[in-house]
Amino acid sequence: MMAAGGDCGAAVSSQLIGVVVDSVERSAGMNALAQDFGLSIEQLSMKVGLSVGAIFPIVGALIFLTVWKKKQSRTLLGNAGN
């Protein structure tokens, strides 16, 4: 189960980084931001994409904990009536 989750996360995160990089490169506002920081748009888009890739596992862990806690509370409530 954990291996399947890891494989899914690896596939989704790679795709997500690519989508973010492409979106940043097409954005006029991000192009202006890149110029303000003295970066090329490719440099900025890679930095943003890698930042999203670094945050992705943290968000996944928070979602997992939230679902797990809800499942635990339902289990406890279900056993309280017995």
C-alpha atoms as a PDB file:
ATOM      1  CA  MET A   1       0.000   0.000   0.000  1.00  0.00           C
ATOM      2  CA  MET A   2       2.777   2.406   0.927  1.00  0.00           C
ATOM      3  CA  ALA A   3       4.769   1.532  -2.184  1.00  0.00           C
ATOM      4  CA  ALA A   4       1.768   2.305  -4.386  1.00  0.00           C
ATOM      5  CA  GLY A   5       1.299   5.637  -2.606  1.00  0.00           C
ATOM      6  CA  GLY A   6       4.963   6.463  -3.097  1.00  0.00           C
ATOM      7  CA  ASP A   7       4.839   5.596  -6.783  1.00  0.00           C
ATOM      8  CA  CYS A   8       1.702   7.687  -7.259  1.00  0.00           C
ATOM      9  CA  GLY A   9       3.235  10.631  -5.411  1.00  0.00           C
ATOM     10  CA  ALA A  10       6.410  10.435  -7.490  1.00  0.00           C
ATOM     11  CA  ALA A  11       4.429  10.459 -10.727  1.00  0.00           C
ATOM     12  CA  VAL A  12       2.074  13.253  -9.677  1.00  0.00           C
ATOM     13  CA  SER A  13       4.800  15.497  -8.271  1.00  0.00           C
ATOM     14  CA  SER A  14       6.887  15.280 -11.447  1.00  0.00           C
ATOM     15  CA  GLN A  15       3.887  16.185 -13.569  1.00  0.00           C
ATOM     16  CA  LEU A  16       2.935  19.004 -11.177  1.00  0.00           C
ATOM     17  CA  ILE A  17       6.429  20.526 -11.363  1.00  0.00           C
ATOM     18  CA  GLY A  18       6.294  20.475 -15.166  1.00  0.00           C
ATOM     19  CA  VAL A  19       2.880  22.147 -15.226  1.00  0.00           C
ATOM     20  CA  VAL A  20       4.032  24.845 -12.785  1.00  0.00           C
ATOM     21  CA  VAL A  21       7.228  25.541 -14.754  1.00  0.00           C
ATOM     22  CA  ASP A  22       5.302  25.831 -18.021  1.00  0.00           C
ATOM     23  CA  SER A  23       2.673  28.094 -16.437  1.00  0.00           C
ATOM     24  CA  VAL A  24       5.271  30.417 -14.942  1.00  0.00           C
ATOM     25  CA  GLU A  25       7.096  30.702 -18.260  1.00  0.00           C
ATOM     26  CA  ARG A  26       3.871  31.752 -20.027  1.00  0.00           C
ATOM     27  CA  SER A  27       2.867  34.298 -17.385  1.00  0.00           C
ATOM     28  CA  ALA A  28       3.533  37.955 -18.200  1.00  0.00           C
ATOM     29  CA  GLY A  29       3.442  38.884 -14.518  1.00  0.00           C
ATOM     30  CA  MET A  30       6.084  36.314 -13.655  1.00  0.00           C
ATOM     31  CA  ASN A  31       8.221  37.562 -16.542  1.00  0.00           C
ATOM     32  CA  ALA A  32       8.158  41.033 -14.993  1.00  0.00           C
ATOM     33  CA  LEU A  33       8.991  39.540 -11.591  1.00  0.00           C
ATOM     34  CA  ALA A  34      11.948  37.675 -13.095  1.00  0.00           C
ATOM     35  CA  GLN A  35      13.263  40.925 -14.552  1.00  0.00           C
ATOM     36  CA  ASP A  36      12.851  42.645 -11.173  1.00  0.00           C
ATOM     37  CA  PHE A  37      15.013  39.947  -9.542  1.00  0.00           C
ATOM     38  CA  GLY A  38      17.541  39.950 -12.383  1.00  0.00           C
ATOM     39  CA  LEU A  39      16.714  36.392 -13.427  1.00  0.00           C
ATOM     40  CA  SER A  40      15.724  34.911 -16.737  1.00  0.00           C
ATOM     41  CA  ILE A  41      12.189  33.552 -16.937  1.00  0.00           C
ATOM     42  CA  GLU A  42      13.616  30.024 -17.183  1.00  0.00           C
ATOM     43  CA  GLN A  43      15.568  30.486 -13.950  1.00  0.00           C
ATOM     44  CA  LEU A  44      12.534  31.835 -12.098  1.00  0.00           C
ATOM     45  CA  SER A  45      10.228  29.119 -13.430  1.00  0.00           C
ATOM     46  CA  MET A  46      12.643  26.396 -12.299  1.00  0.00           C
ATOM     47  CA  LYS A  47      12.955  27.973  -8.848  1.00  0.00           C
ATOM     48  CA  VAL A  48       9.171  28.148  -8.481  1.00  0.00           C
ATOM     49  CA  GLY A  49       8.743  24.588  -9.796  1.00  0.00           C
ATOM     50  CA  LEU A  50      11.335  23.181  -7.409  1.00  0.00           C
ATOM     51  CA  SER A  51       9.760  25.092  -4.521  1.00  0.00           C
ATOM     52  CA  VAL A  52       6.409  23.499  -5.327  1.00  0.00           C
ATOM     53  CA  GLY A  53       8.145  20.125  -5.538  1.00  0.00           C
ATOM     54  CA  ALA A  54       9.667  20.670  -2.093  1.00  0.00           C
ATOM     55  CA  ILE A  55       6.323  21.658  -0.551  1.00  0.00           C
ATOM     56  CA  PHE A  56       4.365  18.810  -2.212  1.00  0.00           C
ATOM     57  CA  PRO A  57       5.380  16.050   0.262  1.00  0.00           C
ATOM     58  CA  ILE A  58       4.571  18.280   3.227  1.00  0.00           C
ATOM     59  CA  VAL A  59       1.089  18.979   1.886  1.00  0.00           C
ATOM     60  CA  GLY A  60       0.630  15.268   1.187  1.00  0.00           C
ATOM     61  CA  ALA A  61       1.618  14.396   4.750  1.00  0.00           C
ATOM     62  CA  LEU A  62      -0.816  16.974   6.154  1.00  0.00           C
ATOM     63  CA  ILE A  63      -3.642  15.583   4.030  1.00  0.00           C
ATOM     64  CA  PHE A  64      -2.777  12.039   5.144  1.00  0.00           C
ATOM     65  CA  LEU A  65      -2.799  13.058   8.818  1.00  0.00           C
ATOM     66  CA  THR A  66      -6.140  14.829   8.435  1.00  0.00           C
ATOM     67  CA  VAL A  67      -7.757  11.804   6.787  1.00  0.00           C
ATOM     68  CA  TRP A  68      -6.200   9.436   9.330  1.00  0.00           C
ATOM     69  CA  LYS A  69      -7.445  11.506  12.286  1.00  0.00           C
ATOM     70  CA  LYS A  70     -10.956  11.642  10.845  1.00  0.00           C
ATOM     71  CA  LYS A  71     -10.902   7.888  10.348  1.00  0.00           C
ATOM     72  CA  GLN A  72      -9.694   7.380  13.925  1.00  0.00           C
ATOM     73  CA  SER A  73     -12.414   9.638  15.342  1.00  0.00           C
ATOM     74  CA  ARG A  74     -15.092   7.745  13.383  1.00  0.00           C
ATOM     75  CA  THR A  75     -13.717   4.462  14.696  1.00  0.00           C
ATOM     76  CA  LEU A  76     -13.781   5.750  18.272  1.00  0.00           C
ATOM     77  CA  LEU A  77     -17.312   7.114  17.881  1.00  0.00           C
ATOM     78  CA  GLY A  78     -18.465   3.823  16.394  1.00  0.00           C
ATOM     79  CA  ASN A  79     -17.046   1.870  19.331  1.00  0.00           C
ATOM     80  CA  ALA A  80     -18.459   4.281  21.953  1.00  0.00           C
ATOM     81  CA  GLY A  81     -21.970   2.918  21.415  1.00  0.00           C
ATOM     82  CA  ASN A  82     -20.894  -0.682  22.100  1.00  0.00           C
END
